[in-house]
């Protein structure tokens, strides 16, 4: 006969086989809820704060006149060498009012530019023909990238400028105003820097004083038809 203790043990085992796994699962669920590692990952993340766009893009100011490209052909008479050249030249006025003056006189200005360019490019073509081999005479130039405009002045800066101007006026002093913004960086190529200065003087001789601020060669390229190898 089984003892009373043995009977009690036999009666406990079936109950333990059911309850112990249930208790373990309950503990696991509790641990899952309280453990951040098992947090619900399906929740939508909070949108990131948008950063302000502080990078201003270069723009062409309304003081700049952009004519059609200037094309010219140089022919060396002794050899019959032909060089076709294209210039993209922009004219920068001193202010908005100067733009209308430049546009009205533009045909005359461009014609004067052509006279200068024809003479200068003839010497340049002759020099390149004599010093460079066929196929290596071509040249291309692009002006420096435009400068982005500065951010607008804050009300505090404008107020400070007004107060400084008022104080200077009371003292009989004159504050030199900042020149208007220009998107054109200095040209590092000495040849084209000199060419721009030459064209500027030509344009200023035609236009009224204080009208033309600068002349910018934005693009130059050439083509030598005789240097192209004929296909067999």
C-alpha atoms as a PDB file:
ATOM      1  CA  UNK A   1       0.000   0.000   0.000  1.00  0.00           C
ATOM      2  CA  UNK A   2       1.194   3.477  -0.777  1.00  0.00           C
ATOM      3  CA  UNK A   3       1.774   5.824   2.103  1.00  0.00           C
ATOM      4  CA  UNK A   4      -0.236   9.008   2.453  1.00  0.00           C
ATOM      5  CA  UNK A   5       2.862  11.079   1.521  1.00  0.00           C
ATOM      6  CA  UNK A   6       3.397   9.043  -1.632  1.00  0.00           C
ATOM      7  CA  UNK A   7      -0.223   9.501  -2.627  1.00  0.00           C
ATOM      8  CA  UNK A   8       0.122  13.240  -2.063  1.00  0.00           C
ATOM      9  CA  UNK A   9       3.221  13.353  -4.305  1.00  0.00           C
ATOM     10  CA  UNK A  10       1.457  11.509  -7.090  1.00  0.00           C
ATOM     11  CA  UNK A  11      -1.452  13.890  -6.845  1.00  0.00           C
ATOM     12  CA  UNK A  12       0.901  16.951  -6.998  1.00  0.00           C
ATOM     13  CA  UNK A  13       2.837  16.009 -10.165  1.00  0.00           C
ATOM     14  CA  UNK A  14      -0.011  16.402 -12.686  1.00  0.00           C
ATOM     15  CA  UNK A  15      -0.908  19.758 -11.223  1.00  0.00           C
ATOM     16  CA  UNK A  16       2.756  20.896 -11.339  1.00  0.00           C
ATOM     17  CA  UNK A  17       3.149  19.813 -14.970  1.00  0.00           C
ATOM     18  CA  UNK A  18       0.374  22.244 -15.915  1.00  0.00           C
ATOM     19  CA  UNK A  19       0.992  25.167 -13.571  1.00  0.00           C
ATOM     20  CA  UNK A  20       4.758  25.491 -13.792  1.00  0.00           C
ATOM     21  CA  UNK A  21       4.857  26.200 -17.561  1.00  0.00           C
ATOM     22  CA  UNK A  22       1.978  28.648 -17.140  1.00  0.00           C
ATOM     23  CA  UNK A  23       3.823  30.477 -14.373  1.00  0.00           C
ATOM     24  CA  UNK A  24       6.999  30.629 -16.469  1.00  0.00           C
ATOM     25  CA  UNK A  25       5.131  32.117 -19.442  1.00  0.00           C
ATOM     26  CA  UNK A  26       3.512  34.730 -17.198  1.00  0.00           C
ATOM     27  CA  UNK A  27       6.911  35.724 -15.837  1.00  0.00           C
ATOM     28  CA  UNK A  28       8.319  35.982 -19.347  1.00  0.00           C
ATOM     29  CA  UNK A  29       5.480  38.265 -20.453  1.00  0.00           C
ATOM     30  CA  UNK A  30       6.004  40.515 -17.439  1.00  0.00           C
ATOM     31  CA  UNK A  31       9.715  40.745 -18.169  1.00  0.00           C
ATOM     32  CA  UNK A  32       9.011  41.572 -21.806  1.00  0.00           C
ATOM     33  CA  UNK A  33       6.706  44.456 -20.902  1.00  0.00           C
ATOM     34  CA  UNK A  34       9.221  45.998 -18.495  1.00  0.00           C
ATOM     35  CA  UNK A  35      12.368  45.402 -20.600  1.00  0.00           C
ATOM     36  CA  UNK A  36      13.110  48.260 -23.056  1.00  0.00           C
ATOM     37  CA  UNK A  37      14.927  45.810 -25.304  1.00  0.00           C
ATOM     38  CA  UNK A  38      11.574  44.235 -26.165  1.00  0.00           C
ATOM     39  CA  UNK A  39       9.679  47.503 -26.639  1.00  0.00           C
ATOM     40  CA  UNK A  40       7.271  47.771 -29.528  1.00  0.00           C
ATOM     41  CA  UNK A  41       9.306  48.671 -32.606  1.00  0.00           C
ATOM     42  CA  UNK A  42       6.265  49.253 -34.827  1.00  0.00           C
ATOM     43  CA  UNK A  43       5.599  52.698 -33.369  1.00  0.00           C
ATOM     44  CA  UNK A  44       6.150  55.455 -35.902  1.00  0.00           C
ATOM     45  CA  UNK A  45       9.312  57.483 -35.162  1.00  0.00           C
ATOM     46  CA  UNK A  46       8.952  61.155 -34.465  1.00  0.00           C
ATOM     47  CA  UNK A  47       9.780  63.271 -37.526  1.00  0.00           C
ATOM     48  CA  UNK A  48      13.178  64.922 -37.370  1.00  0.00           C
ATOM     49  CA  UNK A  49      13.209  68.670 -37.096  1.00  0.00           C
ATOM     50  CA  UNK A  50      13.884  70.249 -40.470  1.00  0.00           C
ATOM     51  CA  UNK A  51      17.095  72.244 -40.626  1.00  0.00           C
ATOM     52  CA  UNK A  52      16.797  75.697 -42.187  1.00  0.00           C
ATOM     53  CA  UNK A  53      18.335  76.060 -45.619  1.00  0.00           C
ATOM     54  CA  UNK A  54      21.237  78.385 -44.919  1.00  0.00           C
ATOM     55  CA  UNK A  55      23.007  77.791 -48.235  1.00  0.00           C
ATOM     56  CA  UNK A  56      22.053  80.672 -50.505  1.00  0.00           C
ATOM     57  CA  UNK A  57      22.243  79.936 -54.205  1.00  0.00           C
ATOM     58  CA  UNK A  58      24.095  82.226 -56.599  1.00  0.00           C
ATOM     59  CA  UNK A  59      21.796  84.416 -58.644  1.00  0.00           C
ATOM     60  CA  UNK A  60      22.318  86.895 -61.457  1.00  0.00           C
ATOM     61  CA  UNK A  61      21.464  90.345 -60.100  1.00  0.00           C
ATOM     62  CA  UNK A  62      19.122  92.592 -62.037  1.00  0.00           C
ATOM     63  CA  UNK A  63      22.062  94.934 -62.643  1.00  0.00           C
ATOM     64  CA  UNK A  64      23.632  92.472 -65.112  1.00  0.00           C
ATOM     65  CA  UNK A  65      22.960  92.450 -68.856  1.00  0.00           C
ATOM     66  CA  UNK A  66      23.452  89.084 -70.614  1.00  0.00           C
ATOM     67  CA  UNK A  67      23.769  89.593 -74.395  1.00  0.00           C
ATOM     68  CA  UNK A  68      23.797  86.840 -76.993  1.00  0.00           C
ATOM     69  CA  UNK A  69      27.166  85.095 -77.460  1.00  0.00           C
ATOM     70  CA  UNK A  70      29.691  86.933 -79.612  1.00  0.00           C
ATOM     71  CA  UNK A  71      31.125  84.886 -82.472  1.00  0.00           C
ATOM     72  CA  UNK A  72      34.046  85.800 -84.694  1.00  0.00           C
ATOM     73  CA  UNK A  73      36.319  84.107 -87.213  1.00  0.00           C
ATOM     74  CA  UNK A  74      40.051  84.719 -87.547  1.00  0.00           C
ATOM     75  CA  UNK A  75      41.859  83.817 -90.806  1.00  0.00           C
ATOM     76  CA  UNK A  76      45.643  83.789 -91.164  1.00  0.00           C
ATOM     77  CA  UNK A  77      46.190  84.906 -94.788  1.00  0.00           C
ATOM     78  CA  UNK A  78      49.583  83.250 -95.372  1.00  0.00           C
ATOM     79  CA  UNK A  79      48.478  79.774 -94.351  1.00  0.00           C
ATOM     80  CA  UNK A  80      44.715  80.020 -94.752  1.00  0.00           C
ATOM     81  CA  UNK A  81      44.302  78.819 -91.152  1.00  0.00           C
ATOM     82  CA  UNK A  82      40.816  79.395 -89.784  1.00  0.00           C
ATOM     83  CA  UNK A  83      39.900  79.785 -86.138  1.00  0.00           C
ATOM     84  CA  UNK A  84      36.291  80.140 -85.008  1.00  0.00           C
ATOM     85  CA  UNK A  85      35.821  81.727 -81.587  1.00  0.00           C
ATOM     86  CA  UNK A  86      32.832  82.215 -79.274  1.00  0.00           C
ATOM     87  CA  UNK A  87      32.611  84.574 -76.281  1.00  0.00           C
ATOM     88  CA  UNK A  88      29.906  84.784 -73.625  1.00  0.00           C
ATOM     89  CA  UNK A  89      30.301  88.301 -72.250  1.00  0.00           C
ATOM     90  CA  UNK A  90      28.146  89.855 -69.524  1.00  0.00           C
ATOM     91  CA  UNK A  91      27.925  93.547 -68.713  1.00  0.00           C
ATOM     92  CA  UNK A  92      27.409  94.659 -65.100  1.00  0.00           C
ATOM     93  CA  UNK A  93      25.787  98.029 -64.533  1.00  0.00           C
ATOM     94  CA  UNK A  94      26.403 100.253 -61.546  1.00  0.00           C
ATOM     95  CA  UNK A  95      22.711 100.117 -60.592  1.00  0.00           C
ATOM     96  CA  UNK A  96      19.281  99.103 -61.897  1.00  0.00           C
ATOM     97  CA  UNK A  97      18.827 102.341 -63.798  1.00  0.00           C
ATOM     98  CA  UNK A  98      22.061 101.712 -65.700  1.00  0.00           C
ATOM     99  CA  UNK A  99      20.673  98.506 -67.201  1.00  0.00           C
ATOM    100  CA  UNK A 100      18.290 100.375 -69.514  1.00  0.00           C
ATOM    101  CA  UNK A 101      21.101 102.669 -70.679  1.00  0.00           C
ATOM    102  CA  UNK A 102      23.349  99.675 -71.423  1.00  0.00           C
ATOM    103  CA  UNK A 103      20.615  97.817 -73.294  1.00  0.00           C
ATOM    104  CA  UNK A 104      19.852 100.805 -75.536  1.00  0.00           C
ATOM    105  CA  UNK A 105      23.516 101.202 -76.447  1.00  0.00           C
ATOM    106  CA  UNK A 106      24.221  97.458 -76.604  1.00  0.00           C
ATOM    107  CA  UNK A 107      24.608  97.130 -80.426  1.00  0.00           C
ATOM    108  CA  UNK A 108      27.208  99.903 -80.432  1.00  0.00           C
ATOM    109  CA  UNK A 109      29.010  98.409 -77.426  1.00  0.00           C
ATOM    110  CA  UNK A 110      29.104  94.905 -78.928  1.00  0.00           C
ATOM    111  CA  UNK A 111      30.424  96.272 -82.228  1.00  0.00           C
ATOM    112  CA  UNK A 112      33.239  98.012 -80.355  1.00  0.00           C
ATOM    113  CA  UNK A 113      33.959  94.772 -78.488  1.00  0.00           C
ATOM    114  CA  UNK A 114      34.206  92.931 -81.812  1.00  0.00           C
ATOM    115  CA  UNK A 115      36.834  95.378 -83.081  1.00  0.00           C
ATOM    116  CA  UNK A 116      38.940  94.822 -79.953  1.00  0.00           C
ATOM    117  CA  UNK A 117      38.481  91.058 -80.015  1.00  0.00           C
ATOM    118  CA  UNK A 118      39.274  90.735 -83.720  1.00  0.00           C
ATOM    119  CA  UNK A 119      42.611  92.506 -83.245  1.00  0.00           C
ATOM    120  CA  UNK A 120      43.531  90.669 -80.035  1.00  0.00           C
ATOM    121  CA  UNK A 121      42.452  87.261 -81.299  1.00  0.00           C
ATOM    122  CA  UNK A 122      44.419  87.660 -84.531  1.00  0.00           C
ATOM    123  CA  UNK A 123      47.668  87.994 -82.565  1.00  0.00           C
ATOM    124  CA  UNK A 124      46.652  85.154 -80.255  1.00  0.00           C
ATOM    125  CA  UNK A 125      45.723  82.904 -83.195  1.00  0.00           C
ATOM    126  CA  UNK A 126      49.040  83.557 -84.949  1.00  0.00           C
ATOM    127  CA  UNK A 127      50.977  82.817 -81.771  1.00  0.00           C
ATOM    128  CA  UNK A 128      49.100  79.580 -81.066  1.00  0.00           C
ATOM    129  CA  UNK A 129      49.449  78.454 -84.679  1.00  0.00           C
ATOM    130  CA  UNK A 130      53.214  78.937 -84.610  1.00  0.00           C
ATOM    131  CA  UNK A 131      53.877  77.407 -81.180  1.00  0.00           C
ATOM    132  CA  UNK A 132      51.413  74.515 -80.992  1.00  0.00           C
ATOM    133  CA  UNK A 133      50.850  71.399 -83.022  1.00  0.00           C
ATOM    134  CA  UNK A 134      47.661  70.799 -84.956  1.00  0.00           C
ATOM    135  CA  UNK A 135      45.024  69.335 -82.665  1.00  0.00           C
ATOM    136  CA  UNK A 136      46.538  71.023 -79.581  1.00  0.00           C
ATOM    137  CA  UNK A 137      45.729  74.643 -80.395  1.00  0.00           C
ATOM    138  CA  UNK A 138      42.199  74.757 -79.043  1.00  0.00           C
ATOM    139  CA  UNK A 139      41.422  76.424 -75.752  1.00  0.00           C
ATOM    140  CA  UNK A 140      38.416  76.740 -73.444  1.00  0.00           C
ATOM    141  CA  UNK A 141      37.896  79.086 -70.509  1.00  0.00           C
ATOM    142  CA  UNK A 142      35.097  79.379 -67.971  1.00  0.00           C
ATOM    143  CA  UNK A 143      34.783  82.298 -65.579  1.00  0.00           C
ATOM    144  CA  UNK A 144      34.841  81.686 -61.818  1.00  0.00           C
ATOM    145  CA  UNK A 145      31.654  80.464 -60.192  1.00  0.00           C
ATOM    146  CA  UNK A 146      29.191  83.106 -59.120  1.00  0.00           C
ATOM    147  CA  UNK A 147      29.193  84.205 -55.498  1.00  0.00           C
ATOM    148  CA  UNK A 148      26.026  83.643 -53.478  1.00  0.00           C
ATOM    149  CA  UNK A 149      24.377  86.818 -52.172  1.00  0.00           C
ATOM    150  CA  UNK A 150      24.851  87.669 -48.477  1.00  0.00           C
ATOM    151  CA  UNK A 151      21.943  87.138 -46.071  1.00  0.00           C
ATOM    152  CA  UNK A 152      19.642  90.140 -45.640  1.00  0.00           C
ATOM    153  CA  UNK A 153      20.529  92.505 -42.821  1.00  0.00           C
ATOM    154  CA  UNK A 154      18.649  92.136 -39.572  1.00  0.00           C
ATOM    155  CA  UNK A 155      16.514  94.983 -38.169  1.00  0.00           C
ATOM    156  CA  UNK A 156      19.171  95.511 -35.500  1.00  0.00           C
ATOM    157  CA  UNK A 157      21.900  95.943 -38.127  1.00  0.00           C
ATOM    158  CA  UNK A 158      19.780  98.384 -40.132  1.00  0.00           C
ATOM    159  CA  UNK A 159      19.012 100.392 -36.991  1.00  0.00           C
ATOM    160  CA  UNK A 160      22.702 100.523 -36.055  1.00  0.00           C
ATOM    161  CA  UNK A 161      23.604 101.747 -39.545  1.00  0.00           C
ATOM    162  CA  UNK A 162      20.939 104.463 -39.372  1.00  0.00           C
ATOM    163  CA  UNK A 163      22.208 105.651 -35.989  1.00  0.00           C
ATOM    164  CA  UNK A 164      25.810 105.700 -37.248  1.00  0.00           C
ATOM    165  CA  UNK A 165      24.781 107.725 -40.302  1.00  0.00           C
ATOM    166  CA  UNK A 166      22.881 110.191 -38.097  1.00  0.00           C
ATOM    167  CA  UNK A 167      25.851 110.660 -35.764  1.00  0.00           C
ATOM    168  CA  UNK A 168      28.197 111.131 -38.711  1.00  0.00           C
ATOM    169  CA  UNK A 169      25.887 113.756 -40.210  1.00  0.00           C
ATOM    170  CA  UNK A 170      25.802 115.660 -36.916  1.00  0.00           C
ATOM    171  CA  UNK A 171      29.622 115.647 -36.841  1.00  0.00           C
ATOM    172  CA  UNK A 172      29.859 116.708 -40.477  1.00  0.00           C
ATOM    173  CA  UNK A 173      31.371 113.388 -41.501  1.00  0.00           C
ATOM    174  CA  UNK A 174      30.463 111.309 -44.532  1.00  0.00           C
ATOM    175  CA  UNK A 175      30.063 107.533 -44.342  1.00  0.00           C
ATOM    176  CA  UNK A 176      31.119 105.763 -47.501  1.00  0.00           C
ATOM    177  CA  UNK A 177      28.352 103.367 -48.495  1.00  0.00           C
ATOM    178  CA  UNK A 178      29.143  99.757 -49.233  1.00  0.00           C
ATOM    179  CA  UNK A 179      29.274  98.994 -52.956  1.00  0.00           C
ATOM    180  CA  UNK A 180      26.305  97.005 -54.231  1.00  0.00           C
ATOM    181  CA  UNK A 181      26.677  93.255 -54.173  1.00  0.00           C
ATOM    182  CA  UNK A 182      28.396  91.654 -57.141  1.00  0.00           C
ATOM    183  CA  UNK A 183      28.305  87.903 -57.847  1.00  0.00           C
ATOM    184  CA  UNK A 184      31.588  88.016 -59.763  1.00  0.00           C
ATOM    185  CA  UNK A 185      34.736  86.774 -58.063  1.00  0.00           C
ATOM    186  CA  UNK A 186      38.137  88.147 -59.134  1.00  0.00           C
ATOM    187  CA  UNK A 187      39.524  86.449 -62.236  1.00  0.00           C
ATOM    188  CA  UNK A 188      42.781  84.607 -61.547  1.00  0.00           C
ATOM    189  CA  UNK A 189      43.622  84.053 -65.225  1.00  0.00           C
ATOM    190  CA  UNK A 190      45.783  87.076 -66.054  1.00  0.00           C
ATOM    191  CA  UNK A 191      45.007  87.021 -69.765  1.00  0.00           C
ATOM    192  CA  UNK A 192      41.240  87.148 -69.284  1.00  0.00           C
ATOM    193  CA  UNK A 193      41.549  89.610 -66.397  1.00  0.00           C
ATOM    194  CA  UNK A 194      43.416  91.955 -68.747  1.00  0.00           C
ATOM    195  CA  UNK A 195      40.880  91.290 -71.510  1.00  0.00           C
ATOM    196  CA  UNK A 196      37.990  92.177 -69.214  1.00  0.00           C
ATOM    197  CA  UNK A 197      39.703  95.430 -68.220  1.00  0.00           C
ATOM    198  CA  UNK A 198      40.278  96.293 -71.885  1.00  0.00           C
ATOM    199  CA  UNK A 199      36.626  95.679 -72.773  1.00  0.00           C
ATOM    200  CA  UNK A 200      35.537  97.627 -69.692  1.00  0.00           C
ATOM    201  CA  UNK A 201      37.477 100.685 -70.851  1.00  0.00           C
ATOM    202  CA  UNK A 202      35.988 100.307 -74.324  1.00  0.00           C
ATOM    203  CA  UNK A 203      32.452 100.106 -72.949  1.00  0.00           C
ATOM    204  CA  UNK A 204      32.959 103.004 -70.561  1.00  0.00           C
ATOM    205  CA  UNK A 205      34.166 105.181 -73.443  1.00  0.00           C
ATOM    206  CA  UNK A 206      30.827 104.631 -75.205  1.00  0.00           C
ATOM    207  CA  UNK A 207      28.414 104.707 -72.265  1.00  0.00           C
ATOM    208  CA  UNK A 208      27.736 107.640 -69.916  1.00  0.00           C
ATOM    209  CA  UNK A 209      29.965 107.925 -66.839  1.00  0.00           C
ATOM    210  CA  UNK A 210      29.173 105.681 -63.882  1.00  0.00           C
ATOM    211  CA  UNK A 211      27.078 103.322 -66.007  1.00  0.00           C
ATOM    212  CA  UNK A 212      29.252 100.248 -66.607  1.00  0.00           C
ATOM    213  CA  UNK A 213      30.709  98.643 -63.495  1.00  0.00           C
ATOM    214  CA  UNK A 214      32.443  95.607 -65.014  1.00  0.00           C
ATOM    215  CA  UNK A 215      32.667  93.383 -68.087  1.00  0.00           C
ATOM    216  CA  UNK A 216      32.770  89.657 -67.433  1.00  0.00           C
ATOM    217  CA  UNK A 217      33.978  87.003 -69.881  1.00  0.00           C
ATOM    218  CA  UNK A 218      31.917  84.081 -68.641  1.00  0.00           C
ATOM    219  CA  UNK A 219      32.851  81.564 -71.343  1.00  0.00           C
ATOM    220  CA  UNK A 220      35.353  81.298 -74.192  1.00  0.00           C
ATOM    221  CA  UNK A 221      35.970  78.433 -76.585  1.00  0.00           C
ATOM    222  CA  UNK A 222      37.367  78.013 -80.089  1.00  0.00           C
ATOM    223  CA  UNK A 223      37.393  75.577 -82.988  1.00  0.00           C
ATOM    224  CA  UNK A 224      40.118  75.043 -85.591  1.00  0.00           C
ATOM    225  CA  UNK A 225      38.453  73.348 -88.602  1.00  0.00           C
ATOM    226  CA  UNK A 226      41.771  72.642 -90.353  1.00  0.00           C
ATOM    227  CA  UNK A 227      43.079  70.708 -87.354  1.00  0.00           C
ATOM    228  CA  UNK A 228      40.355  68.075 -87.546  1.00  0.00           C
ATOM    229  CA  UNK A 229      41.711  64.832 -88.961  1.00  0.00           C
ATOM    230  CA  UNK A 230      39.755  63.582 -91.926  1.00  0.00           C
ATOM    231  CA  UNK A 231      38.337  60.102 -91.609  1.00  0.00           C
ATOM    232  CA  UNK A 232      39.706  57.609 -94.111  1.00  0.00           C
END
